[in-house]
Amino acid sequence: MKIFLLLVLSILATSFVVNQKKEYVCTPCGLDCDHTVYDKPGTCSVCGMALVEKSTVKFKDLSFEQVCARLKANPKAVLIDVRTPDEFKGSSDVPSFGHFKNAININVEELPDRLSEVSKYKNREVLVYCSHSHRSPRATYLLSTSGFKNVNNVAGGLSTITESDKDCLKTNFVDHEN
């Protein structure tokens, strides 16, 4: 009887695993296509990013109000700015909007090759941002799938900072006044 019961449970478990379909989404890019679900791997038809298993996208998007609260609650949070160095410094031809004081600047295109520079922060809270939240979701995803335990994306990017946000951020932010 025990053998029969184990055989039935094995068949049921195998059937359950076989019937579970994987869902795929594009590698987070900050566009609406991040929410389109596909039933097989491939490439996103909108942004061209590789499709990844939906279950691997585990980070949260935070508003600036939430970022302010996180920085007050955890002053040791690590800020990573994934824009170009010129955008970070305010010397580019495009609006840069400013940057967080003490932020680490690593261009999203260089991040895969520079993960070792930030690997010491894997167990710290990490907040990733850019100008419009099109690069930071990709960087946040890379960090979250590279062993970082508590990494979140700043939704909307620096271009969405309001006057009330600036009051909240005044001790943590350098405004480039573009």
Protein backbone atom coordinates (compact mmCIF):
# COMPACT_ATOMS: atom_id res chain seq x y z
CA MET A 1 0.00 0.00 0.00
CA LYS A 2 2.84 2.42 0.85
CA ILE A 3 4.50 1.78 -2.49
CA PHE A 4 1.22 2.41 -4.34
CA LEU A 5 0.69 5.67 -2.41
CA LEU A 6 4.25 6.83 -3.17
CA LEU A 7 3.76 5.98 -6.85
CA VAL A 8 0.52 8.01 -7.02
CA LEU A 9 2.12 10.98 -5.24
CA SER A 10 5.12 10.84 -7.60
CA ILE A 11 2.85 10.85 -10.64
CA LEU A 12 0.83 13.76 -9.27
CA ALA A 13 3.96 15.76 -8.42
CA THR A 14 5.45 15.14 -11.88
CA SER A 15 2.18 16.11 -13.53
CA PHE A 16 2.04 19.33 -11.49
CA VAL A 17 5.57 20.34 -12.47
CA VAL A 18 4.98 19.54 -16.16
CA ASN A 19 1.72 21.53 -16.23
CA GLN A 20 3.22 24.66 -14.70
CA LYS A 21 3.91 27.05 -17.56
CA LYS A 22 6.69 29.56 -17.25
CA GLU A 23 5.91 33.19 -17.90
CA TYR A 24 8.36 35.59 -19.50
CA VAL A 25 8.70 39.38 -19.56
CA CYS A 26 11.26 41.61 -21.19
CA THR A 27 14.39 42.44 -19.23
CA PRO A 28 13.10 45.44 -17.27
CA CYS A 29 13.55 48.56 -19.37
CA GLY A 30 11.11 51.00 -17.77
CA LEU A 31 8.68 50.96 -20.70
CA ASP A 32 5.11 49.64 -20.68
CA CYS A 33 6.35 46.44 -22.31
CA ASP A 34 7.78 45.44 -18.92
CA HIS A 35 4.24 44.31 -18.06
CA THR A 36 3.58 42.22 -21.20
CA VAL A 37 3.70 38.51 -20.40
CA TYR A 38 4.93 35.97 -22.96
CA ASP A 39 4.65 32.18 -22.82
CA LYS A 40 8.14 31.38 -24.15
CA PRO A 41 11.63 32.88 -24.16
CA GLY A 42 12.72 35.19 -26.95
CA THR A 43 12.96 38.93 -27.52
CA CYS A 44 10.53 41.67 -26.54
CA SER A 45 8.72 42.85 -29.67
CA VAL A 46 8.63 46.44 -28.35
CA CYS A 47 12.06 47.22 -26.91
CA GLY A 48 14.16 44.36 -28.27
CA MET A 49 15.37 43.26 -24.83
CA ALA A 50 15.76 39.56 -24.06
CA LEU A 51 12.79 37.92 -22.38
CA VAL A 52 13.47 36.62 -18.86
CA GLU A 53 11.42 34.45 -16.52
CA LYS A 54 8.88 36.69 -14.80
CA SER A 55 9.68 35.06 -11.47
CA THR A 56 13.23 36.51 -11.61
CA VAL A 57 11.98 40.13 -11.57
CA LYS A 58 11.80 40.71 -7.82
CA PHE A 59 12.74 44.31 -7.20
CA LYS A 60 10.36 47.12 -6.26
CA ASP A 61 9.91 50.57 -7.76
CA LEU A 62 10.11 53.35 -5.16
CA SER A 63 8.78 56.91 -5.40
CA PHE A 64 10.97 59.80 -4.28
CA GLU A 65 8.85 60.04 -1.15
CA GLN A 66 9.70 56.41 -0.41
CA VAL A 67 13.37 57.05 -1.23
CA CYS A 68 13.42 59.91 1.28
CA ALA A 69 11.87 57.66 3.91
CA ARG A 70 14.38 54.88 3.12
CA LEU A 71 17.34 57.28 3.38
CA LYS A 72 16.10 58.59 6.74
CA ALA A 73 15.53 55.07 8.06
CA ASN A 74 18.75 53.72 6.61
CA PRO A 75 21.46 56.38 6.12
CA LYS A 76 23.85 53.62 5.02
CA ALA A 77 21.74 52.82 1.96
CA VAL A 78 23.84 52.78 -1.20
CA LEU A 79 22.78 54.96 -4.12
CA ILE A 80 23.85 53.93 -7.61
CA ASP A 81 23.42 56.36 -10.49
CA VAL A 82 23.53 54.47 -13.80
CA ARG A 83 23.71 57.49 -16.13
CA THR A 84 26.79 58.54 -18.08
CA PRO A 85 29.54 60.34 -16.14
CA ASP A 86 28.72 63.60 -17.97
CA GLU A 87 25.03 63.33 -17.00
CA PHE A 88 26.07 62.63 -13.43
CA LYS A 89 28.34 65.70 -13.33
CA GLY A 90 25.85 67.94 -15.15
CA SER A 91 28.16 68.52 -18.10
CA SER A 92 26.27 66.67 -20.83
CA ASP A 93 24.19 68.12 -23.64
CA VAL A 94 21.05 66.54 -22.18
CA PRO A 95 19.37 67.68 -18.95
CA SER A 96 20.95 65.93 -15.99
CA PHE A 97 18.58 67.04 -13.20
CA GLY A 98 21.26 66.66 -10.50
CA HIS A 99 22.45 63.67 -8.51
CA PHE A 100 22.39 62.22 -5.03
CA LYS A 101 25.33 63.09 -2.81
CA ASN A 102 27.61 60.12 -2.23
CA ALA A 103 26.06 58.20 -5.14
CA ILE A 104 28.23 55.76 -7.02
CA ASN A 105 28.17 56.54 -10.73
CA ILE A 106 28.46 53.53 -13.04
CA ASN A 107 26.99 53.80 -16.52
CA VAL A 108 24.44 51.01 -17.06
CA GLU A 109 26.36 49.89 -20.16
CA GLU A 110 29.48 49.32 -18.01
CA LEU A 111 27.73 47.80 -15.00
CA PRO A 112 28.04 44.12 -16.03
CA ASP A 113 31.83 44.52 -16.24
CA ARG A 114 32.05 46.59 -13.05
CA LEU A 115 29.92 44.50 -10.68
CA SER A 116 33.01 43.74 -8.60
CA GLU A 117 33.22 47.44 -7.65
CA VAL A 118 29.86 47.30 -5.89
CA SER A 119 29.79 43.66 -4.80
CA LYS A 120 30.73 44.66 -1.23
CA TYR A 121 27.24 46.19 -0.97
CA LYS A 122 25.35 42.95 -1.74
CA ASN A 123 23.91 42.81 1.77
CA ARG A 124 23.11 46.53 2.05
CA GLU A 125 20.07 48.36 0.81
CA VAL A 126 20.77 49.63 -2.72
CA LEU A 127 18.71 52.28 -4.54
CA VAL A 128 19.30 52.56 -8.28
CA TYR A 129 18.34 55.58 -10.37
CA CYS A 130 18.81 57.35 -13.70
CA SER A 131 17.12 60.30 -15.41
CA HIS A 132 13.85 58.78 -16.70
CA SER A 133 13.82 55.24 -15.25
CA HIS A 134 14.66 53.51 -18.52
CA ARG A 135 18.19 52.45 -17.58
CA SER A 136 17.77 51.94 -13.84
CA PRO A 137 15.26 49.03 -14.09
CA ARG A 138 17.77 47.11 -16.23
CA ALA A 139 20.56 47.83 -13.73
CA THR A 140 18.33 46.95 -10.78
CA TYR A 141 17.43 43.65 -12.43
CA LEU A 142 21.11 42.89 -13.08
CA LEU A 143 22.01 43.60 -9.45
CA SER A 144 19.06 41.61 -8.06
CA THR A 145 20.02 38.58 -10.17
CA SER A 146 23.69 38.96 -9.21
CA GLY A 147 23.24 38.28 -5.50
CA PHE A 148 22.22 41.70 -4.19
CA LYS A 149 19.68 41.08 -1.42
CA ASN A 150 17.84 44.42 -1.14
CA VAL A 151 17.94 46.44 -4.35
CA ASN A 152 15.18 48.77 -5.57
CA ASN A 153 14.58 51.04 -8.54
CA VAL A 154 13.74 54.75 -8.22
CA ALA A 155 10.59 54.98 -10.36
CA GLY A 156 10.40 57.73 -12.95
CA GLY A 157 14.00 58.81 -12.50
CA LEU A 158 15.34 62.22 -11.59
CA SER A 159 13.21 63.92 -14.24
CA THR A 160 10.14 63.38 -12.04
CA ILE A 161 11.41 65.16 -8.93
CA THR A 162 8.89 67.73 -7.71
CA GLU A 163 9.42 70.77 -5.51
CA SER A 164 8.14 68.85 -2.48
CA ASP A 165 10.61 66.06 -3.29
CA LYS A 166 13.42 68.63 -3.39
CA ASP A 167 12.54 69.75 0.14
CA CYS A 168 12.75 66.17 1.29
CA LEU A 169 15.97 65.53 -0.63
CA LYS A 170 17.77 68.79 0.13
CA THR A 171 20.35 67.19 2.43
CA ASN A 172 20.98 64.29 0.06
CA PHE A 173 20.85 65.86 -3.38
CA VAL A 174 22.89 68.12 -5.66
CA ASP A 175 20.63 70.03 -8.07
CA HIS A 176 22.24 70.90 -11.42
CA GLU A 177 19.41 73.34 -12.16
CA ASN A 178 18.86 72.45 -15.82
